[in-house]
Amino acid sequence: MGISRNVSLMTALRYKGQGPMLTFILHRIGGMGMAIFISMHVLASALGGDIGNFINDVYMSWVFQIIIFFFVMFHAINGLRITILDLWPKLLEYQPEATWVQWAVFIVLYGFAVFSILTSAFGGQA
């Protein structure tokens, strides 16, 4: 017998889980984004022709590269934070600080990556 909860959508949207909840949601979205990317890649390779070329054009665009890189990098850094906290449970009391460190590392690395992608996309040498 499962737990019965009666939570409306508006109540759920007002939830203020802050940092840990945001990283939880972004981790799941990142995993789905990577799954979609891999599916598109396999589909493009299998189909070939016009459909394959269209899919290749989509995932070779700089906008798609910035989005997929966000998913992959955030998923990896957040997974590393989760792994560290799981391996050393005494560090769980420092979870808010670990989340801030994760965001700091992510923003710096992602900023360099976006700069590189945009420089390459708009004719520069990266």
N, C-alpha and C. Protein backbone atom coordinates (compact mmCIF):
# COMPACT_ATOMS: atom_id res chain seq x y z
N MET A 1 0.84 -1.17 0.00
CA MET A 1 0.00 0.00 0.00
C MET A 1 0.89 1.24 0.00
N GLY A 2 0.72 2.09 -0.99
CA GLY A 2 1.55 3.27 -1.12
C GLY A 2 1.04 4.43 -0.29
N ILE A 3 1.87 5.43 -0.19
CA ILE A 3 1.51 6.64 0.53
C ILE A 3 0.62 7.48 -0.37
N SER A 4 -0.45 7.96 0.17
CA SER A 4 -1.37 8.80 -0.59
C SER A 4 -1.10 10.26 -0.24
N ARG A 5 -0.77 11.04 -1.27
CA ARG A 5 -0.52 12.46 -1.05
C ARG A 5 -1.47 13.26 -1.93
N ASN A 6 -1.97 14.31 -1.39
CA ASN A 6 -2.89 15.16 -2.12
C ASN A 6 -2.26 16.54 -2.22
N VAL A 7 -1.33 16.69 -3.17
CA VAL A 7 -0.61 17.95 -3.34
C VAL A 7 -0.96 18.52 -4.70
N SER A 8 -1.46 19.74 -4.71
CA SER A 8 -1.81 20.37 -5.98
C SER A 8 -0.55 20.86 -6.70
N LEU A 9 -0.70 21.14 -7.98
CA LEU A 9 0.42 21.64 -8.77
C LEU A 9 0.93 22.97 -8.22
N MET A 10 0.02 23.85 -7.83
CA MET A 10 0.43 25.15 -7.30
C MET A 10 1.21 25.00 -5.99
N THR A 11 0.82 24.07 -5.15
CA THR A 11 1.55 23.82 -3.91
C THR A 11 2.94 23.31 -4.21
N ALA A 12 3.05 22.42 -5.18
CA ALA A 12 4.35 21.87 -5.55
C ALA A 12 5.25 22.95 -6.14
N LEU A 13 4.68 23.87 -6.92
CA LEU A 13 5.49 24.93 -7.53
C LEU A 13 5.95 25.96 -6.50
N ARG A 14 5.24 26.09 -5.39
CA ARG A 14 5.64 27.02 -4.34
C ARG A 14 6.71 26.45 -3.43
N TYR A 15 7.03 25.17 -3.59
CA TYR A 15 8.03 24.53 -2.73
C TYR A 15 9.36 25.25 -2.87
N LYS A 16 9.98 25.59 -1.76
CA LYS A 16 11.24 26.32 -1.79
C LYS A 16 12.37 25.41 -1.31
N GLY A 17 12.69 24.40 -2.12
CA GLY A 17 13.72 23.45 -1.77
C GLY A 17 15.12 24.02 -1.90
N GLN A 18 15.24 25.13 -2.57
CA GLN A 18 16.50 25.85 -2.76
C GLN A 18 17.55 24.99 -3.44
N GLY A 19 18.82 25.14 -3.06
CA GLY A 19 19.94 24.54 -3.76
C GLY A 19 19.87 23.05 -3.98
N PRO A 20 19.73 22.25 -2.93
CA PRO A 20 19.71 20.80 -3.15
C PRO A 20 18.58 20.34 -4.05
N MET A 21 17.40 20.95 -3.94
CA MET A 21 16.28 20.55 -4.79
C MET A 21 16.54 20.96 -6.24
N LEU A 22 17.11 22.14 -6.44
CA LEU A 22 17.43 22.59 -7.79
C LEU A 22 18.45 21.66 -8.44
N THR A 23 19.47 21.26 -7.69
CA THR A 23 20.46 20.35 -8.26
C THR A 23 19.84 18.98 -8.54
N PHE A 24 18.92 18.54 -7.70
CA PHE A 24 18.21 17.28 -7.92
C PHE A 24 17.45 17.33 -9.24
N ILE A 25 16.70 18.41 -9.46
CA ILE A 25 15.90 18.54 -10.68
C ILE A 25 16.80 18.66 -11.91
N LEU A 26 17.84 19.51 -11.82
CA LEU A 26 18.74 19.68 -12.96
C LEU A 26 19.51 18.40 -13.28
N HIS A 27 19.82 17.60 -12.26
CA HIS A 27 20.50 16.33 -12.49
C HIS A 27 19.62 15.40 -13.31
N ARG A 28 18.33 15.35 -12.99
CA ARG A 28 17.40 14.50 -13.73
C ARG A 28 17.20 15.02 -15.15
N ILE A 29 17.06 16.33 -15.29
CA ILE A 29 16.89 16.90 -16.62
C ILE A 29 18.14 16.67 -17.46
N GLY A 30 19.31 16.80 -16.83
CA GLY A 30 20.57 16.54 -17.53
C GLY A 30 20.68 15.12 -18.03
N GLY A 31 20.26 14.17 -17.19
CA GLY A 31 20.27 12.77 -17.62
C GLY A 31 19.35 12.54 -18.81
N MET A 32 18.17 13.14 -18.77
CA MET A 32 17.24 13.01 -19.90
C MET A 32 17.80 13.69 -21.15
N GLY A 33 18.44 14.85 -20.98
CA GLY A 33 19.04 15.54 -22.12
C GLY A 33 20.12 14.71 -22.78
N MET A 34 20.94 14.06 -21.98
CA MET A 34 21.98 13.20 -22.55
C MET A 34 21.37 11.99 -23.25
N ALA A 35 20.31 11.42 -22.68
CA ALA A 35 19.64 10.29 -23.31
C ALA A 35 19.05 10.69 -24.66
N ILE A 36 18.46 11.88 -24.73
CA ILE A 36 17.91 12.37 -25.99
C ILE A 36 19.02 12.58 -27.01
N PHE A 37 20.14 13.17 -26.58
CA PHE A 37 21.26 13.40 -27.48
C PHE A 37 21.80 12.08 -28.04
N ILE A 38 21.99 11.10 -27.18
CA ILE A 38 22.52 9.81 -27.64
C ILE A 38 21.52 9.15 -28.59
N SER A 39 20.23 9.26 -28.29
CA SER A 39 19.21 8.70 -29.19
C SER A 39 19.25 9.38 -30.55
N MET A 40 19.40 10.70 -30.54
CA MET A 40 19.49 11.43 -31.81
C MET A 40 20.73 11.01 -32.59
N HIS A 41 21.83 10.82 -31.89
CA HIS A 41 23.07 10.43 -32.54
C HIS A 41 22.94 9.05 -33.19
N VAL A 42 22.37 8.11 -32.47
CA VAL A 42 22.17 6.76 -33.01
C VAL A 42 21.18 6.81 -34.17
N LEU A 43 20.12 7.57 -34.04
CA LEU A 43 19.12 7.69 -35.08
C LEU A 43 19.72 8.30 -36.34
N ALA A 44 20.53 9.33 -36.20
CA ALA A 44 21.17 9.97 -37.35
C ALA A 44 22.10 8.99 -38.06
N SER A 45 22.82 8.20 -37.28
CA SER A 45 23.74 7.23 -37.88
C SER A 45 22.98 6.11 -38.57
N ALA A 46 21.87 5.67 -38.00
CA ALA A 46 21.11 4.55 -38.56
C ALA A 46 20.32 4.95 -39.80
N LEU A 47 19.74 6.13 -39.79
CA LEU A 47 18.85 6.52 -40.88
C LEU A 47 19.61 7.01 -42.11
N GLY A 48 20.59 7.87 -41.89
CA GLY A 48 21.30 8.45 -43.03
C GLY A 48 20.35 9.30 -43.87
N GLY A 49 20.73 9.59 -45.09
CA GLY A 49 19.88 10.35 -46.00
C GLY A 49 19.53 11.72 -45.48
N ASP A 50 18.37 12.22 -45.93
CA ASP A 50 17.93 13.57 -45.55
C ASP A 50 17.62 13.69 -44.07
N ILE A 51 16.98 12.67 -43.50
CA ILE A 51 16.64 12.73 -42.08
C ILE A 51 17.91 12.72 -41.24
N GLY A 52 18.85 11.86 -41.58
CA GLY A 52 20.12 11.81 -40.86
C GLY A 52 20.88 13.11 -40.98
N ASN A 53 20.87 13.72 -42.18
CA ASN A 53 21.55 15.01 -42.36
C ASN A 53 20.89 16.11 -41.55
N PHE A 54 19.55 16.08 -41.46
CA PHE A 54 18.84 17.08 -40.66
C PHE A 54 19.22 16.94 -39.18
N ILE A 55 19.22 15.71 -38.69
CA ILE A 55 19.58 15.48 -37.28
C ILE A 55 21.03 15.90 -37.04
N ASN A 56 21.92 15.59 -37.99
CA ASN A 56 23.31 16.02 -37.86
C ASN A 56 23.41 17.54 -37.80
N ASP A 57 22.63 18.22 -38.64
CA ASP A 57 22.64 19.69 -38.63
C ASP A 57 22.16 20.23 -37.29
N VAL A 58 21.16 19.58 -36.70
CA VAL A 58 20.63 20.04 -35.41
C VAL A 58 21.70 19.91 -34.35
N TYR A 59 22.32 18.73 -34.23
CA TYR A 59 23.26 18.60 -33.11
C TYR A 59 24.64 19.12 -33.41
N MET A 60 24.86 19.65 -34.60
CA MET A 60 26.10 20.35 -34.90
C MET A 60 25.95 21.87 -34.73
N SER A 61 24.73 22.35 -34.47
CA SER A 61 24.52 23.78 -34.29
C SER A 61 25.08 24.22 -32.93
N TRP A 62 25.53 25.46 -32.86
CA TRP A 62 26.15 25.95 -31.64
C TRP A 62 25.15 26.05 -30.50
N VAL A 63 23.89 26.33 -30.80
CA VAL A 63 22.87 26.41 -29.74
C VAL A 63 22.70 25.05 -29.08
N PHE A 64 22.57 24.01 -29.90
CA PHE A 64 22.41 22.66 -29.36
C PHE A 64 23.65 22.25 -28.58
N GLN A 65 24.83 22.61 -29.08
CA GLN A 65 26.07 22.26 -28.38
C GLN A 65 26.14 22.91 -27.00
N ILE A 66 25.72 24.17 -26.90
CA ILE A 66 25.72 24.85 -25.61
C ILE A 66 24.75 24.17 -24.65
N ILE A 67 23.58 23.80 -25.15
CA ILE A 67 22.57 23.16 -24.29
C ILE A 67 23.05 21.78 -23.84
N ILE A 68 23.53 20.96 -24.77
CA ILE A 68 23.95 19.60 -24.40
C ILE A 68 25.18 19.65 -23.49
N PHE A 69 26.05 20.63 -23.72
CA PHE A 69 27.22 20.75 -22.85
C PHE A 69 26.80 21.13 -21.43
N PHE A 70 25.77 21.96 -21.31
CA PHE A 70 25.23 22.28 -19.98
C PHE A 70 24.78 21.01 -19.29
N PHE A 71 23.98 20.19 -20.01
CA PHE A 71 23.47 18.95 -19.42
C PHE A 71 24.60 18.03 -18.98
N VAL A 72 25.55 17.80 -19.88
CA VAL A 72 26.62 16.84 -19.60
C VAL A 72 27.50 17.33 -18.45
N MET A 73 27.92 18.59 -18.49
CA MET A 73 28.82 19.10 -17.47
C MET A 73 28.14 19.18 -16.10
N PHE A 74 26.90 19.67 -16.07
CA PHE A 74 26.22 19.76 -14.79
C PHE A 74 25.99 18.37 -14.22
N HIS A 75 25.57 17.43 -15.06
CA HIS A 75 25.32 16.06 -14.60
C HIS A 75 26.59 15.44 -14.03
N ALA A 76 27.71 15.67 -14.70
CA ALA A 76 28.98 15.09 -14.24
C ALA A 76 29.44 15.71 -12.92
N ILE A 77 29.40 17.04 -12.81
CA ILE A 77 29.88 17.69 -11.59
C ILE A 77 28.95 17.40 -10.42
N ASN A 78 27.65 17.40 -10.66
CA ASN A 78 26.70 17.07 -9.60
C ASN A 78 26.85 15.61 -9.18
N GLY A 79 27.07 14.73 -10.14
CA GLY A 79 27.30 13.32 -9.81
C GLY A 79 28.55 13.13 -8.98
N LEU A 80 29.58 13.91 -9.26
CA LEU A 80 30.81 13.85 -8.47
C LEU A 80 30.55 14.32 -7.03
N ARG A 81 29.78 15.38 -6.89
CA ARG A 81 29.43 15.87 -5.54
C ARG A 81 28.63 14.81 -4.78
N ILE A 82 27.66 14.20 -5.44
CA ILE A 82 26.85 13.16 -4.79
C ILE A 82 27.73 11.97 -4.39
N THR A 83 28.64 11.58 -5.27
CA THR A 83 29.53 10.45 -4.97
C THR A 83 30.41 10.76 -3.76
N ILE A 84 30.99 11.95 -3.72
CA ILE A 84 31.85 12.33 -2.59
C ILE A 84 31.05 12.31 -1.29
N LEU A 85 29.84 12.86 -1.32
CA LEU A 85 29.02 12.88 -0.10
C LEU A 85 28.57 11.48 0.30
N ASP A 86 28.38 10.59 -0.68
CA ASP A 86 28.01 9.20 -0.36
C ASP A 86 29.19 8.42 0.21
N LEU A 87 30.38 8.68 -0.31
CA LEU A 87 31.55 7.94 0.15
C LEU A 87 32.01 8.39 1.54
N TRP A 88 31.83 9.65 1.85
CA TRP A 88 32.22 10.19 3.14
C TRP A 88 30.99 10.81 3.80
N PRO A 89 30.18 10.00 4.48
CA PRO A 89 28.91 10.50 5.06
C PRO A 89 29.08 11.63 6.08
N LYS A 90 30.25 11.73 6.71
CA LYS A 90 30.45 12.82 7.67
C LYS A 90 30.41 14.18 6.98
N LEU A 91 30.62 14.20 5.67
CA LEU A 91 30.59 15.46 4.92
C LEU A 91 29.16 15.93 4.61
N LEU A 92 28.16 15.09 4.91
CA LEU A 92 26.77 15.47 4.61
C LEU A 92 26.35 16.74 5.34
N GLU A 93 26.94 17.00 6.49
CA GLU A 93 26.58 18.23 7.20
C GLU A 93 27.05 19.47 6.44
N TYR A 94 27.96 19.28 5.49
CA TYR A 94 28.46 20.39 4.68
C TYR A 94 27.83 20.40 3.28
N GLN A 95 26.66 19.80 3.14
CA GLN A 95 26.02 19.73 1.84
C GLN A 95 25.74 21.10 1.22
N PRO A 96 25.25 22.10 1.97
CA PRO A 96 25.05 23.42 1.34
C PRO A 96 26.35 24.01 0.80
N GLU A 97 27.43 23.85 1.55
CA GLU A 97 28.72 24.37 1.08
C GLU A 97 29.19 23.59 -0.14
N ALA A 98 28.97 22.27 -0.15
CA ALA A 98 29.36 21.45 -1.30
C ALA A 98 28.56 21.85 -2.54
N THR A 99 27.30 22.21 -2.34
CA THR A 99 26.48 22.66 -3.46
C THR A 99 27.01 23.98 -4.02
N TRP A 100 27.42 24.89 -3.13
CA TRP A 100 27.99 26.17 -3.59
C TRP A 100 29.30 25.95 -4.34
N VAL A 101 30.14 25.05 -3.84
CA VAL A 101 31.40 24.74 -4.52
C VAL A 101 31.10 24.14 -5.90
N GLN A 102 30.12 23.26 -5.93
CA GLN A 102 29.74 22.66 -7.21
C GLN A 102 29.32 23.73 -8.21
N TRP A 103 28.48 24.68 -7.79
CA TRP A 103 28.04 25.75 -8.69
C TRP A 103 29.21 26.62 -9.13
N ALA A 104 30.13 26.91 -8.22
CA ALA A 104 31.28 27.74 -8.58
C ALA A 104 32.14 27.06 -9.63
N VAL A 105 32.42 25.80 -9.42
CA VAL A 105 33.23 25.04 -10.40
C VAL A 105 32.48 24.96 -11.72
N PHE A 106 31.18 24.66 -11.66
CA PHE A 106 30.39 24.53 -12.88
C PHE A 106 30.37 25.83 -13.68
N ILE A 107 30.11 26.94 -13.01
CA ILE A 107 29.99 28.22 -13.72
C ILE A 107 31.30 28.60 -14.40
N VAL A 108 32.41 28.38 -13.74
CA VAL A 108 33.71 28.71 -14.34
C VAL A 108 33.97 27.83 -15.56
N LEU A 109 33.83 26.52 -15.40
CA LEU A 109 34.10 25.60 -16.50
C LEU A 109 33.12 25.78 -17.65
N TYR A 110 31.85 25.97 -17.32
CA TYR A 110 30.84 26.16 -18.35
C TYR A 110 31.05 27.48 -19.09
N GLY A 111 31.47 28.51 -18.37
CA GLY A 111 31.76 29.79 -19.02
C GLY A 111 32.87 29.66 -20.05
N PHE A 112 33.95 28.95 -19.69
CA PHE A 112 35.02 28.71 -20.66
C PHE A 112 34.53 27.91 -21.85
N ALA A 113 33.70 26.91 -21.60
CA ALA A 113 33.19 26.07 -22.68
C ALA A 113 32.30 26.87 -23.63
N VAL A 114 31.41 27.68 -23.08
CA VAL A 114 30.52 28.49 -23.92
C VAL A 114 31.34 29.49 -24.72
N PHE A 115 32.32 30.10 -24.10
CA PHE A 115 33.19 31.02 -24.83
C PHE A 115 33.87 30.32 -26.00
N SER A 116 34.36 29.13 -25.76
CA SER A 116 35.03 28.36 -26.81
C SER A 116 34.06 27.99 -27.93
N ILE A 117 32.88 27.54 -27.58
CA ILE A 117 31.89 27.17 -28.58
C ILE A 117 31.47 28.37 -29.42
N LEU A 118 31.22 29.50 -28.77
CA LEU A 118 30.80 30.70 -29.50
C LEU A 118 31.92 31.25 -30.36
N THR A 119 33.14 31.21 -29.85
CA THR A 119 34.27 31.69 -30.64
C THR A 119 34.43 30.84 -31.90
N SER A 120 34.30 29.55 -31.75
CA SER A 120 34.42 28.63 -32.88
C SER A 120 33.24 28.81 -33.84
N ALA A 121 32.03 29.01 -33.31
CA ALA A 121 30.85 29.12 -34.15
C ALA A 121 30.83 30.40 -34.98
N PHE A 122 31.40 31.47 -34.45
CA PHE A 122 31.36 32.74 -35.16
C PHE A 122 32.66 33.11 -35.84
N GLY A 123 33.40 32.08 -36.22
CA GLY A 123 34.55 32.28 -37.09
C GLY A 123 35.89 32.44 -36.45
N GLY A 124 35.97 32.40 -35.15
CA GLY A 124 37.27 32.52 -34.50
C GLY A 124 37.97 31.18 -34.42
N GLN A 125 39.18 31.21 -33.94
CA GLN A 125 39.95 30.00 -33.71
C GLN A 125 39.87 29.64 -32.24
N ALA A 126 39.33 28.48 -31.93
CA ALA A 126 39.24 28.08 -30.52
C ALA A 126 39.98 26.80 -30.28
